[in-house]
Amino acid sequence: MKILVTVDGSDISLRALKYALNLAKQLARPGAVTVLHVDPPVFPGVERRIGAQAVADYHAANHAHALAPARATLKRSKLAVDEVHAVGEVADTILEVARKRRTDLIVMGSHGRTAVQGVLLGSVSTKVIAQTDIPVTIIR
């Protein structure tokens, strides 16, 4: 089983990662786990002003920050885990990576926003669920 788990550096995403790793260990054949962090692109025109290298450094720092809380958990798991860093619209990129890797299950944390907050701010988990036929497990 191929499991894709999304992380953003939050406690909720760390819980999702732990869930995915435990699930992978419980399978008859240990599951293949991919840890994905998606960084939203910078605003249009920013790269022109600060340069491509500064934007690349910015995204690299965001990826490192998002994965930092997960590093100890990943070491303890003793499972082979792939890390994927991507830049793009978060929900669309999650779905693209899941399709390319032929993922069997997407595991992601949800911040549990209210309905109004979800409408105003958008909900990545809601978008992912609505746009995929891959099973999705939401951890709160």
Protein backbone atom coordinates (compact mmCIF):
# COMPACT_ATOMS: atom_id res chain seq x y z
CA MET A 1 0.00 0.00 0.00
CA LYS A 2 1.28 3.45 -0.94
CA ILE A 3 0.45 6.12 1.63
CA LEU A 4 0.89 9.84 1.02
CA VAL A 5 0.92 12.00 4.15
CA THR A 6 1.00 15.78 3.99
CA VAL A 7 2.90 17.87 6.52
CA ASP A 8 3.02 21.59 7.20
CA GLY A 9 4.98 21.73 10.46
CA SER A 10 1.90 21.83 12.69
CA ASP A 11 1.06 19.50 15.57
CA ILE A 12 -1.92 18.27 13.56
CA SER A 13 0.24 17.25 10.62
CA LEU A 14 2.64 15.49 13.01
CA ARG A 15 -0.35 13.50 14.32
CA ALA A 16 -1.27 12.63 10.74
CA LEU A 17 2.30 11.47 10.10
CA LYS A 18 2.31 9.25 13.20
CA TYR A 19 -1.02 7.76 12.13
CA ALA A 20 0.30 7.01 8.63
CA LEU A 21 3.51 5.44 9.96
CA ASN A 22 1.60 3.25 12.43
CA LEU A 23 -0.79 2.17 9.68
CA ALA A 24 2.12 1.32 7.39
CA LYS A 25 3.71 -0.83 10.12
CA GLN A 26 0.47 -2.74 10.78
CA LEU A 27 0.07 -3.90 7.19
CA ALA A 28 1.08 -7.44 6.24
CA ARG A 29 3.74 -5.91 4.00
CA PRO A 30 4.98 -2.58 5.35
CA GLY A 31 3.46 0.24 3.38
CA ALA A 32 5.44 2.72 1.32
CA VAL A 33 5.09 6.14 2.91
CA THR A 34 5.67 9.43 1.12
CA VAL A 35 5.83 12.61 3.19
CA LEU A 36 4.81 15.67 1.20
CA HIS A 37 5.19 19.35 1.98
CA VAL A 38 3.68 21.82 -0.47
CA ASP A 39 4.72 25.45 -0.27
CA PRO A 40 2.41 27.97 -1.95
CA PRO A 41 4.09 30.01 -4.70
CA VAL A 42 5.18 33.56 -4.02
CA PHE A 43 3.02 36.39 -5.29
CA PRO A 44 3.45 37.34 -8.95
CA GLY A 45 6.29 39.79 -9.43
CA VAL A 46 8.12 38.87 -6.22
CA GLU A 47 10.67 36.69 -7.99
CA ARG A 48 11.43 39.50 -10.42
CA ARG A 49 12.10 41.86 -7.51
CA ILE A 50 14.15 39.60 -5.22
CA GLY A 51 15.58 37.10 -7.69
CA ALA A 52 15.12 33.41 -8.42
CA GLN A 53 17.78 32.32 -5.92
CA ALA A 54 16.09 34.21 -3.07
CA VAL A 55 12.76 32.57 -3.92
CA ALA A 56 14.41 29.12 -4.06
CA ASP A 57 16.06 29.77 -0.68
CA TYR A 58 12.70 30.90 0.74
CA HIS A 59 10.99 27.68 -0.39
CA ALA A 60 13.88 25.53 0.87
CA ALA A 61 13.66 27.19 4.30
CA ASN A 62 9.88 26.62 4.39
CA HIS A 63 10.33 22.94 3.49
CA ALA A 64 12.98 22.49 6.20
CA HIS A 65 10.78 24.25 8.76
CA ALA A 66 7.73 22.12 7.89
CA LEU A 67 9.68 18.86 8.11
CA ALA A 68 11.67 19.68 11.26
CA PRO A 69 9.02 18.42 13.73
CA ALA A 70 8.67 15.20 11.73
CA ARG A 71 12.37 14.28 11.63
CA ALA A 72 12.51 12.53 15.03
CA THR A 73 9.29 10.63 14.31
CA LEU A 74 10.64 9.52 10.95
CA LYS A 75 13.91 8.29 12.49
CA ARG A 76 12.07 6.29 15.17
CA SER A 77 9.75 4.66 12.63
CA LYS A 78 12.58 2.73 10.94
CA LEU A 79 10.49 2.71 7.77
CA ALA A 80 11.80 3.76 4.40
CA VAL A 81 10.09 7.08 3.77
CA ASP A 82 10.31 9.29 0.69
CA GLU A 83 10.23 13.03 1.20
CA VAL A 84 8.76 15.21 -1.52
CA HIS A 85 8.94 19.00 -1.56
CA ALA A 86 6.78 20.89 -4.01
CA VAL A 87 5.74 24.43 -4.78
CA GLY A 88 2.25 25.12 -6.06
CA GLU A 89 -1.40 25.49 -5.15
CA VAL A 90 -1.58 23.15 -2.16
CA ALA A 91 -4.66 20.99 -2.88
CA ASP A 92 -3.90 20.66 -6.60
CA THR A 93 -0.29 19.73 -5.91
CA ILE A 94 -1.27 17.10 -3.33
CA LEU A 95 -3.59 15.52 -5.88
CA GLU A 96 -0.97 15.67 -8.63
CA VAL A 97 1.67 13.99 -6.47
CA ALA A 98 -0.84 11.37 -5.32
CA ARG A 99 -1.75 10.53 -8.93
CA LYS A 100 1.87 10.41 -10.14
CA ARG A 101 2.88 8.11 -7.28
CA ARG A 102 -0.24 5.93 -7.65
CA THR A 103 -1.11 6.52 -4.02
CA ASP A 104 -3.61 4.17 -2.36
CA LEU A 105 -4.37 6.46 0.60
CA ILE A 106 -3.91 10.16 1.39
CA VAL A 107 -3.52 11.04 5.08
CA MET A 108 -3.70 14.67 6.11
CA GLY A 109 -4.36 16.75 9.17
CA SER A 110 -7.21 19.21 9.40
CA HIS A 111 -7.13 22.35 11.49
CA GLY A 112 -10.86 21.97 12.10
CA ARG A 113 -11.96 25.40 11.00
CA THR A 114 -15.59 26.35 11.29
CA ALA A 115 -17.77 26.34 8.18
CA VAL A 116 -17.47 30.12 7.84
CA GLN A 117 -13.68 30.04 8.21
CA GLY A 118 -13.51 27.22 5.66
CA VAL A 119 -15.48 29.28 3.14
CA LEU A 120 -13.43 32.41 3.74
CA LEU A 121 -9.99 30.83 4.01
CA GLY A 122 -10.54 27.70 1.94
CA SER A 123 -9.95 24.22 3.22
CA VAL A 124 -7.22 22.13 1.63
CA SER A 125 -8.68 18.90 3.00
CA THR A 126 -12.14 19.74 1.63
CA LYS A 127 -10.68 20.49 -1.81
CA VAL A 128 -8.68 17.26 -1.82
CA ILE A 129 -11.66 15.14 -0.78
CA ALA A 130 -13.91 16.77 -3.38
CA GLN A 131 -11.48 16.30 -6.25
CA THR A 132 -10.16 12.76 -5.83
CA ASP A 133 -11.31 9.18 -5.94
CA ILE A 134 -8.35 8.14 -3.74
CA PRO A 135 -9.42 7.39 -0.15
CA VAL A 136 -8.54 10.24 2.22
CA THR A 137 -8.11 9.96 5.98
CA ILE A 138 -8.41 13.22 7.90
CA ILE A 139 -6.74 13.47 11.30
CA ARG A 140 -7.73 16.09 13.85
